Amino acid sequence: MIVLLGVLVVILGFVTRRNPVLVVGVAGIATALLAKMNPQEILAAFGRAFADSRSITVFAVTLPVIGLLERYGLREQARTLIGRLGKLSAGRFLAAYLLIRQVTAAFGLTSIGGPAQSVRPMVAPMAEAAAERRAGAKLPEKVREKVRSHASGADTVGLFFGEDCFIAIGSILLITGFVNSTYHQQLEPTQLALWAVPVAVCAFLIHGSRLLLLDRQLDREMSLAAAEHDLPLPAGPDQAEEAAK
């Protein structure tokens, strides 16, 4: 039980707000020493953990690249692009993104989207720009956060229900492996993937309908916000464009 004192190191480190990487590293070394591992074994354990987490390492490399792109105007360019598409509202844009995310995930391309890679730097700013162009005014913080949450939700729903249509995804292989080994069945990944297709279609129809209704919800909330501050609200998209100018 003394080995579990490493957990206490983690708790104390986070309570005192120390660097998370340093806390985890010290906790790992402390746990290894309590388990009577020599320095060579500790170093080998860290090396194996690093090698087994290559996908996380790649993400840690790409995240600073995305940050640099944002710093040099990626979000602004995304907003400018959506501003040129006059009839594309926030709800329609997010519904289109939901379809793209679901189809690409169904072909195994699960890493081309995500909250850090695409939602924050591109999808959310484009949805916000579409909502602002429709309203003809800046979005209140509450409305802006709602648009951002729907952007993240579209990405999550598209990935969750799209990836199971791909036979080589981890969840499909986990299910087939567990069923075949535990219940001695002969379940094939193709069978699960085929059953996932109608579920994915239903998910798109249900969530896509919610996204299309988002525009009306935003119109109501913008009207309420304008009434609270005694501001005139444009009556429609055409008037909104004139007001924005």
C-alpha atoms as a PDB file:
ATOM      1  CA  MET A   1       0.000   0.000   0.000  1.00  0.00           C
ATOM      2  CA  ILE A   2       2.945   2.341   0.517  1.00  0.00           C
ATOM      3  CA  VAL A   3       3.316   2.613  -3.256  1.00  0.00           C
ATOM      4  CA  LEU A   4       0.022   4.527  -3.343  1.00  0.00           C
ATOM      5  CA  LEU A   5       1.735   7.454  -1.628  1.00  0.00           C
ATOM      6  CA  GLY A   6       2.551   8.619  -5.142  1.00  0.00           C
ATOM      7  CA  VAL A   7      -1.121   9.589  -5.479  1.00  0.00           C
ATOM      8  CA  LEU A   8      -0.679  11.842  -2.439  1.00  0.00           C
ATOM      9  CA  VAL A   9       2.146  13.630  -4.281  1.00  0.00           C
ATOM     10  CA  VAL A  10      -0.204  14.323  -7.186  1.00  0.00           C
ATOM     11  CA  ILE A  11      -2.926  15.662  -4.864  1.00  0.00           C
ATOM     12  CA  LEU A  12      -0.520  17.918  -2.976  1.00  0.00           C
ATOM     13  CA  GLY A  13       0.999  19.177  -6.218  1.00  0.00           C
ATOM     14  CA  PHE A  14      -2.346  20.178  -7.698  1.00  0.00           C
ATOM     15  CA  VAL A  15      -3.583  21.681  -4.427  1.00  0.00           C
ATOM     16  CA  THR A  16      -0.498  23.906  -4.257  1.00  0.00           C
ATOM     17  CA  ARG A  17      -0.913  24.699  -7.985  1.00  0.00           C
ATOM     18  CA  ARG A  18       2.467  23.472  -9.107  1.00  0.00           C
ATOM     19  CA  ASN A  19       3.400  22.769 -12.711  1.00  0.00           C
ATOM     20  CA  PRO A  20       1.298  19.720 -13.770  1.00  0.00           C
ATOM     21  CA  VAL A  21       4.104  18.151 -15.806  1.00  0.00           C
ATOM     22  CA  LEU A  22       6.518  18.507 -12.891  1.00  0.00           C
ATOM     23  CA  VAL A  23       3.958  17.128 -10.427  1.00  0.00           C
ATOM     24  CA  VAL A  24       3.230  14.044 -12.521  1.00  0.00           C
ATOM     25  CA  GLY A  25       6.919  13.452 -13.147  1.00  0.00           C
ATOM     26  CA  VAL A  26       7.824  13.689  -9.464  1.00  0.00           C
ATOM     27  CA  ALA A  27       4.870  11.471  -8.524  1.00  0.00           C
ATOM     28  CA  GLY A  28       5.985   8.857 -11.033  1.00  0.00           C
ATOM     29  CA  ILE A  29       9.559   8.857  -9.734  1.00  0.00           C
ATOM     30  CA  ALA A  30       8.375   8.729  -6.114  1.00  0.00           C
ATOM     31  CA  THR A  31       6.070   5.797  -6.878  1.00  0.00           C
ATOM     32  CA  ALA A  32       8.869   3.943  -8.664  1.00  0.00           C
ATOM     33  CA  LEU A  33      11.280   4.479  -5.764  1.00  0.00           C
ATOM     34  CA  LEU A  34       8.689   3.255  -3.276  1.00  0.00           C
ATOM     35  CA  ALA A  35       8.269   0.170  -5.471  1.00  0.00           C
ATOM     36  CA  LYS A  36      12.060  -0.397  -5.124  1.00  0.00           C
ATOM     37  CA  MET A  37      12.833   0.182  -8.803  1.00  0.00           C
ATOM     38  CA  ASN A  38      16.375   1.184  -9.698  1.00  0.00           C
ATOM     39  CA  PRO A  39      17.123   4.315 -11.812  1.00  0.00           C
ATOM     40  CA  GLN A  40      17.564   2.269 -14.989  1.00  0.00           C
ATOM     41  CA  GLU A  41      14.141   0.662 -14.590  1.00  0.00           C
ATOM     42  CA  ILE A  42      12.567   4.056 -13.885  1.00  0.00           C
ATOM     43  CA  LEU A  43      14.095   5.541 -17.034  1.00  0.00           C
ATOM     44  CA  ALA A  44      12.944   2.532 -19.071  1.00  0.00           C
ATOM     45  CA  ALA A  45       9.397   2.935 -17.728  1.00  0.00           C
ATOM     46  CA  PHE A  46       9.306   6.602 -18.746  1.00  0.00           C
ATOM     47  CA  GLY A  47      10.625   5.675 -22.186  1.00  0.00           C
ATOM     48  CA  ARG A  48       7.950   3.019 -22.703  1.00  0.00           C
ATOM     49  CA  ALA A  49       5.221   5.444 -21.621  1.00  0.00           C
ATOM     50  CA  PHE A  50       6.520   8.055 -24.056  1.00  0.00           C
ATOM     51  CA  ALA A  51       6.671   5.543 -26.911  1.00  0.00           C
ATOM     52  CA  ASP A  52       3.148   4.273 -26.172  1.00  0.00           C
ATOM     53  CA  SER A  53       1.792   7.854 -26.262  1.00  0.00           C
ATOM     54  CA  ARG A  54       3.058   8.858 -29.703  1.00  0.00           C
ATOM     55  CA  SER A  55      -0.361  10.193 -30.710  1.00  0.00           C
ATOM     56  CA  ILE A  56      -0.320  12.548 -27.721  1.00  0.00           C
ATOM     57  CA  THR A  57       3.211  13.611 -28.654  1.00  0.00           C
ATOM     58  CA  VAL A  58       2.101  14.506 -32.182  1.00  0.00           C
ATOM     59  CA  PHE A  59      -0.809  16.510 -30.744  1.00  0.00           C
ATOM     60  CA  ALA A  60       1.596  18.376 -28.454  1.00  0.00           C
ATOM     61  CA  VAL A  61       3.644  19.323 -31.516  1.00  0.00           C
ATOM     62  CA  THR A  62       0.704  20.447 -33.644  1.00  0.00           C
ATOM     63  CA  LEU A  63      -0.930  22.536 -30.898  1.00  0.00           C
ATOM     64  CA  PRO A  64       1.784  25.272 -30.930  1.00  0.00           C
ATOM     65  CA  VAL A  65       1.520  25.394 -34.735  1.00  0.00           C
ATOM     66  CA  ILE A  66      -2.198  26.103 -34.465  1.00  0.00           C
ATOM     67  CA  GLY A  67      -1.457  28.786 -31.877  1.00  0.00           C
ATOM     68  CA  LEU A  68       0.971  30.499 -34.256  1.00  0.00           C
ATOM     69  CA  LEU A  69      -1.600  30.387 -37.070  1.00  0.00           C
ATOM     70  CA  GLU A  70      -4.142  32.016 -34.778  1.00  0.00           C
ATOM     71  CA  ARG A  71      -1.678  34.708 -33.775  1.00  0.00           C
ATOM     72  CA  TYR A  72      -1.045  35.613 -37.400  1.00  0.00           C
ATOM     73  CA  GLY A  73      -4.690  35.948 -38.367  1.00  0.00           C
ATOM     74  CA  LEU A  74      -6.239  32.517 -38.952  1.00  0.00           C
ATOM     75  CA  ARG A  75      -9.420  33.400 -37.018  1.00  0.00           C
ATOM     76  CA  GLU A  76      -9.743  36.757 -38.777  1.00  0.00           C
ATOM     77  CA  GLN A  77      -9.378  35.149 -42.204  1.00  0.00           C
ATOM     78  CA  ALA A  78     -12.010  32.562 -41.293  1.00  0.00           C
ATOM     79  CA  ARG A  79     -14.446  35.314 -40.294  1.00  0.00           C
ATOM     80  CA  THR A  80     -13.712  37.229 -43.517  1.00  0.00           C
ATOM     81  CA  LEU A  81     -14.366  34.141 -45.613  1.00  0.00           C
ATOM     82  CA  ILE A  82     -17.755  33.450 -44.047  1.00  0.00           C
ATOM     83  CA  GLY A  83     -18.683  37.111 -44.423  1.00  0.00           C
ATOM     84  CA  ARG A  84     -18.517  36.747 -48.200  1.00  0.00           C
ATOM     85  CA  LEU A  85     -21.170  34.016 -48.206  1.00  0.00           C
ATOM     86  CA  GLY A  86     -24.294  36.122 -47.878  1.00  0.00           C
ATOM     87  CA  LYS A  87     -26.987  33.478 -47.375  1.00  0.00           C
ATOM     88  CA  LEU A  88     -25.037  31.159 -45.085  1.00  0.00           C
ATOM     89  CA  SER A  89     -26.329  31.478 -41.523  1.00  0.00           C
ATOM     90  CA  ALA A  90     -24.709  30.063 -38.401  1.00  0.00           C
ATOM     91  CA  GLY A  91     -27.135  27.139 -38.223  1.00  0.00           C
ATOM     92  CA  ARG A  92     -26.703  26.211 -41.890  1.00  0.00           C
ATOM     93  CA  PHE A  93     -22.937  26.455 -41.657  1.00  0.00           C
ATOM     94  CA  LEU A  94     -22.781  24.209 -38.589  1.00  0.00           C
ATOM     95  CA  ALA A  95     -25.148  21.695 -40.202  1.00  0.00           C
ATOM     96  CA  ALA A  96     -22.840  21.549 -43.228  1.00  0.00           C
ATOM     97  CA  TYR A  97     -19.833  21.094 -40.955  1.00  0.00           C
ATOM     98  CA  LEU A  98     -21.671  18.311 -39.104  1.00  0.00           C
ATOM     99  CA  LEU A  99     -22.176  16.468 -42.395  1.00  0.00           C
ATOM    100  CA  ILE A 100     -18.542  16.925 -43.433  1.00  0.00           C
ATOM    101  CA  ARG A 101     -17.270  15.791 -40.030  1.00  0.00           C
ATOM    102  CA  GLN A 102     -19.502  12.726 -40.029  1.00  0.00           C
ATOM    103  CA  VAL A 103     -18.606  11.651 -43.571  1.00  0.00           C
ATOM    104  CA  THR A 104     -14.859  12.085 -43.058  1.00  0.00           C
ATOM    105  CA  ALA A 105     -15.013  10.187 -39.763  1.00  0.00           C
ATOM    106  CA  ALA A 106     -16.873   7.372 -41.521  1.00  0.00           C
ATOM    107  CA  PHE A 107     -13.833   6.991 -43.787  1.00  0.00           C
ATOM    108  CA  GLY A 108     -11.450   6.882 -40.841  1.00  0.00           C
ATOM    109  CA  LEU A 109     -10.289  10.518 -41.041  1.00  0.00           C
ATOM    110  CA  THR A 110     -10.962  11.257 -37.395  1.00  0.00           C
ATOM    111  CA  SER A 111      -7.980  13.544 -36.778  1.00  0.00           C
ATOM    112  CA  ILE A 112      -8.693  16.242 -39.372  1.00  0.00           C
ATOM    113  CA  GLY A 113     -11.131  17.955 -37.005  1.00  0.00           C
ATOM    114  CA  GLY A 114     -11.440  18.494 -33.287  1.00  0.00           C
ATOM    115  CA  PRO A 115     -11.899  21.268 -30.722  1.00  0.00           C
ATOM    116  CA  ALA A 116      -8.258  22.403 -30.865  1.00  0.00           C
ATOM    117  CA  GLN A 117      -7.466  21.707 -34.520  1.00  0.00           C
ATOM    118  CA  SER A 118     -10.544  23.130 -36.242  1.00  0.00           C
ATOM    119  CA  VAL A 119     -13.364  24.270 -33.938  1.00  0.00           C
ATOM    120  CA  ARG A 120     -11.567  26.992 -31.984  1.00  0.00           C
ATOM    121  CA  PRO A 121      -9.452  28.512 -34.780  1.00  0.00           C
ATOM    122  CA  MET A 122     -11.899  28.181 -37.705  1.00  0.00           C
ATOM    123  CA  VAL A 123     -15.377  26.713 -37.177  1.00  0.00           C
ATOM    124  CA  ALA A 124     -16.432  28.788 -34.168  1.00  0.00           C
ATOM    125  CA  PRO A 125     -15.211  32.136 -35.604  1.00  0.00           C
ATOM    126  CA  MET A 126     -16.967  31.416 -38.904  1.00  0.00           C
ATOM    127  CA  ALA A 127     -20.219  30.559 -37.116  1.00  0.00           C
ATOM    128  CA  GLU A 128     -19.932  33.718 -35.018  1.00  0.00           C
ATOM    129  CA  ALA A 129     -19.351  35.827 -38.129  1.00  0.00           C
ATOM    130  CA  ALA A 130     -22.401  34.315 -39.824  1.00  0.00           C
ATOM    131  CA  ALA A 131     -24.541  35.037 -36.762  1.00  0.00           C
ATOM    132  CA  GLU A 132     -23.278  38.623 -36.525  1.00  0.00           C
ATOM    133  CA  ARG A 133     -23.914  39.254 -40.217  1.00  0.00           C
ATOM    134  CA  ARG A 134     -27.466  37.948 -39.869  1.00  0.00           C
ATOM    135  CA  ALA A 135     -28.123  40.038 -36.759  1.00  0.00           C
ATOM    136  CA  GLY A 136     -26.311  43.131 -37.975  1.00  0.00           C
ATOM    137  CA  ALA A 137     -24.718  43.657 -34.577  1.00  0.00           C
ATOM    138  CA  LYS A 138     -22.067  42.279 -32.286  1.00  0.00           C
ATOM    139  CA  LEU A 139     -23.114  39.189 -30.385  1.00  0.00           C
ATOM    140  CA  PRO A 140     -23.541  39.485 -26.608  1.00  0.00           C
ATOM    141  CA  GLU A 141     -21.185  37.268 -24.654  1.00  0.00           C
ATOM    142  CA  LYS A 142     -23.957  34.826 -23.721  1.00  0.00           C
ATOM    143  CA  VAL A 143     -25.042  34.413 -27.345  1.00  0.00           C
ATOM    144  CA  ARG A 144     -21.430  34.122 -28.488  1.00  0.00           C
ATOM    145  CA  GLU A 145     -20.790  31.297 -26.022  1.00  0.00           C
ATOM    146  CA  LYS A 146     -23.918  29.531 -27.239  1.00  0.00           C
ATOM    147  CA  VAL A 147     -22.682  29.646 -30.850  1.00  0.00           C
ATOM    148  CA  ARG A 148     -19.314  28.305 -29.738  1.00  0.00           C
ATOM    149  CA  SER A 149     -20.900  25.468 -27.773  1.00  0.00           C
ATOM    150  CA  HIS A 150     -22.974  24.445 -30.794  1.00  0.00           C
ATOM    151  CA  ALA A 151     -19.843  24.506 -32.948  1.00  0.00           C
ATOM    152  CA  SER A 152     -18.106  22.154 -30.542  1.00  0.00           C
ATOM    153  CA  GLY A 153     -21.246  20.006 -30.302  1.00  0.00           C
ATOM    154  CA  ALA A 154     -21.445  19.627 -34.083  1.00  0.00           C
ATOM    155  CA  ASP A 155     -17.854  18.382 -34.134  1.00  0.00           C
ATOM    156  CA  THR A 156     -18.447  15.932 -31.278  1.00  0.00           C
ATOM    157  CA  VAL A 157     -21.690  14.494 -32.657  1.00  0.00           C
ATOM    158  CA  GLY A 158     -20.245  14.157 -36.152  1.00  0.00           C
ATOM    159  CA  LEU A 159     -17.183  12.303 -34.897  1.00  0.00           C
ATOM    160  CA  PHE A 160     -19.002  10.115 -32.365  1.00  0.00           C
ATOM    161  CA  PHE A 161     -21.620   8.774 -34.767  1.00  0.00           C
ATOM    162  CA  GLY A 162     -19.441   8.802 -37.871  1.00  0.00           C
ATOM    163  CA  GLU A 163     -16.368   6.921 -36.681  1.00  0.00           C
ATOM    164  CA  ASP A 164     -18.278   3.706 -35.934  1.00  0.00           C
ATOM    165  CA  CYS A 165     -19.056   3.371 -39.645  1.00  0.00           C
ATOM    166  CA  PHE A 166     -15.332   2.703 -40.204  1.00  0.00           C
ATOM    167  CA  ILE A 167     -14.460  -0.952 -39.599  1.00  0.00           C
ATOM    168  CA  ALA A 168     -10.892  -0.310 -38.423  1.00  0.00           C
ATOM    169  CA  ILE A 169     -11.732   2.165 -35.661  1.00  0.00           C
ATOM    170  CA  GLY A 170     -10.722   1.272 -32.114  1.00  0.00           C
ATOM    171  CA  SER A 171     -14.255   1.081 -30.707  1.00  0.00           C
ATOM    172  CA  ILE A 172     -15.372  -1.432 -33.357  1.00  0.00           C
ATOM    173  CA  LEU A 173     -12.326  -3.630 -32.798  1.00  0.00           C
ATOM    174  CA  LEU A 174     -12.800  -3.437 -29.025  1.00  0.00           C
ATOM    175  CA  ILE A 175     -16.444  -4.540 -29.230  1.00  0.00           C
ATOM    176  CA  THR A 176     -15.768  -7.411 -31.624  1.00  0.00           C
ATOM    177  CA  GLY A 177     -12.768  -8.590 -29.613  1.00  0.00           C
ATOM    178  CA  PHE A 178     -14.697  -8.527 -26.331  1.00  0.00           C
ATOM    179  CA  VAL A 179     -17.785 -10.274 -27.727  1.00  0.00           C
ATOM    180  CA  ASN A 180     -15.820 -12.942 -29.589  1.00  0.00           C
ATOM    181  CA  SER A 181     -13.555 -13.771 -26.651  1.00  0.00           C
ATOM    182  CA  THR A 182     -16.161 -13.558 -23.872  1.00  0.00           C
ATOM    183  CA  TYR A 183     -19.256 -14.991 -25.541  1.00  0.00           C
ATOM    184  CA  HIS A 184     -17.462 -17.144 -28.129  1.00  0.00           C
ATOM    185  CA  GLN A 185     -19.258 -15.523 -31.039  1.00  0.00           C
ATOM    186  CA  GLN A 186     -18.046 -14.798 -34.567  1.00  0.00           C
ATOM    187  CA  LEU A 187     -18.915 -11.122 -34.802  1.00  0.00           C
ATOM    188  CA  GLU A 188     -17.278  -9.323 -37.704  1.00  0.00           C
ATOM    189  CA  PRO A 189     -16.365  -5.599 -37.725  1.00  0.00           C
ATOM    190  CA  THR A 190     -18.319  -5.186 -40.963  1.00  0.00           C
ATOM    191  CA  GLN A 191     -21.537  -6.200 -39.229  1.00  0.00           C
ATOM    192  CA  LEU A 192     -21.153  -3.510 -36.559  1.00  0.00           C
ATOM    193  CA  ALA A 193     -20.177  -0.882 -39.126  1.00  0.00           C
ATOM    194  CA  LEU A 194     -23.286  -1.625 -41.210  1.00  0.00           C
ATOM    195  CA  TRP A 195     -25.530  -1.259 -38.159  1.00  0.00           C
ATOM    196  CA  ALA A 196     -23.792   2.025 -37.339  1.00  0.00           C
ATOM    197  CA  VAL A 197     -24.794   3.574 -40.686  1.00  0.00           C
ATOM    198  CA  PRO A 198     -28.543   4.020 -39.958  1.00  0.00           C
ATOM    199  CA  VAL A 199     -27.693   5.271 -36.462  1.00  0.00           C
ATOM    200  CA  ALA A 200     -25.365   7.863 -37.997  1.00  0.00           C
ATOM    201  CA  VAL A 201     -28.066   8.948 -40.449  1.00  0.00           C
ATOM    202  CA  CYS A 202     -30.580   9.386 -37.615  1.00  0.00           C
ATOM    203  CA  ALA A 203     -28.030  11.345 -35.598  1.00  0.00           C
ATOM    204  CA  PHE A 204     -27.429  13.685 -38.523  1.00  0.00           C
ATOM    205  CA  LEU A 205     -31.142  14.252 -39.120  1.00  0.00           C
ATOM    206  CA  ILE A 206     -31.857  14.921 -35.432  1.00  0.00           C
ATOM    207  CA  HIS A 207     -28.866  17.107 -34.640  1.00  0.00           C
ATOM    208  CA  GLY A 208     -28.921  18.766 -38.052  1.00  0.00           C
ATOM    209  CA  SER A 209     -32.518  19.830 -37.399  1.00  0.00           C
ATOM    210  CA  ARG A 210     -31.460  21.306 -34.064  1.00  0.00           C
ATOM    211  CA  LEU A 211     -28.732  23.282 -35.795  1.00  0.00           C
ATOM    212  CA  LEU A 212     -31.132  24.616 -38.413  1.00  0.00           C
ATOM    213  CA  LEU A 213     -33.409  25.797 -35.606  1.00  0.00           C
ATOM    214  CA  LEU A 214     -30.462  27.554 -33.985  1.00  0.00           C
ATOM    215  CA  ASP A 215     -30.905  30.615 -36.208  1.00  0.00           C
ATOM    216  CA  ARG A 216     -34.376  31.290 -34.818  1.00  0.00           C
ATOM    217  CA  GLN A 217     -33.114  30.897 -31.278  1.00  0.00           C
ATOM    218  CA  LEU A 218     -30.321  33.369 -31.946  1.00  0.00           C
ATOM    219  CA  ASP A 219     -32.798  35.831 -33.495  1.00  0.00           C
ATOM    220  CA  ARG A 220     -34.939  35.686 -30.350  1.00  0.00           C
ATOM    221  CA  GLU A 221     -31.990  36.107 -28.029  1.00  0.00           C
ATOM    222  CA  MET A 222     -30.642  39.026 -30.060  1.00  0.00           C
ATOM    223  CA  SER A 223     -34.081  40.650 -29.928  1.00  0.00           C
ATOM    224  CA  LEU A 224     -34.172  40.261 -26.152  1.00  0.00           C
ATOM    225  CA  ALA A 225     -30.644  41.637 -25.840  1.00  0.00           C
ATOM    226  CA  ALA A 226     -31.557  44.643 -27.990  1.00  0.00           C
ATOM    227  CA  ALA A 227     -34.689  45.268 -25.928  1.00  0.00           C
ATOM    228  CA  GLU A 228     -32.733  45.184 -22.677  1.00  0.00           C
ATOM    229  CA  HIS A 229     -30.318  47.828 -23.952  1.00  0.00           C
ATOM    230  CA  ASP A 230     -32.927  49.829 -25.906  1.00  0.00           C
ATOM    231  CA  LEU A 231     -31.128  49.190 -29.188  1.00  0.00           C
ATOM    232  CA  PRO A 232     -32.838  48.864 -32.576  1.00  0.00           C
ATOM    233  CA  LEU A 233     -32.539  45.412 -34.109  1.00  0.00           C
ATOM    234  CA  PRO A 234     -32.570  44.956 -37.909  1.00  0.00           C
ATOM    235  CA  ALA A 235     -35.673  43.214 -39.195  1.00  0.00           C
ATOM    236  CA  GLY A 236     -33.928  40.778 -41.501  1.00  0.00           C
ATOM    237  CA  PRO A 237     -30.629  39.727 -43.114  1.00  0.00           C
ATOM    238  CA  ASP A 238     -30.794  42.483 -45.752  1.00  0.00           C
ATOM    239  CA  GLN A 239     -31.331  45.178 -43.161  1.00  0.00           C
ATOM    240  CA  ALA A 240     -28.706  43.525 -41.009  1.00  0.00           C
ATOM    241  CA  GLU A 241     -26.101  43.904 -43.748  1.00  0.00           C
ATOM    242  CA  GLU A 242     -26.964  47.575 -44.126  1.00  0.00           C
ATOM    243  CA  ALA A 243     -26.747  48.112 -40.384  1.00  0.00           C
ATOM    244  CA  ALA A 244     -23.411  46.340 -40.245  1.00  0.00           C
ATOM    245  CA  LYS A 245     -22.059  48.643 -42.946  1.00  0.00           C
END
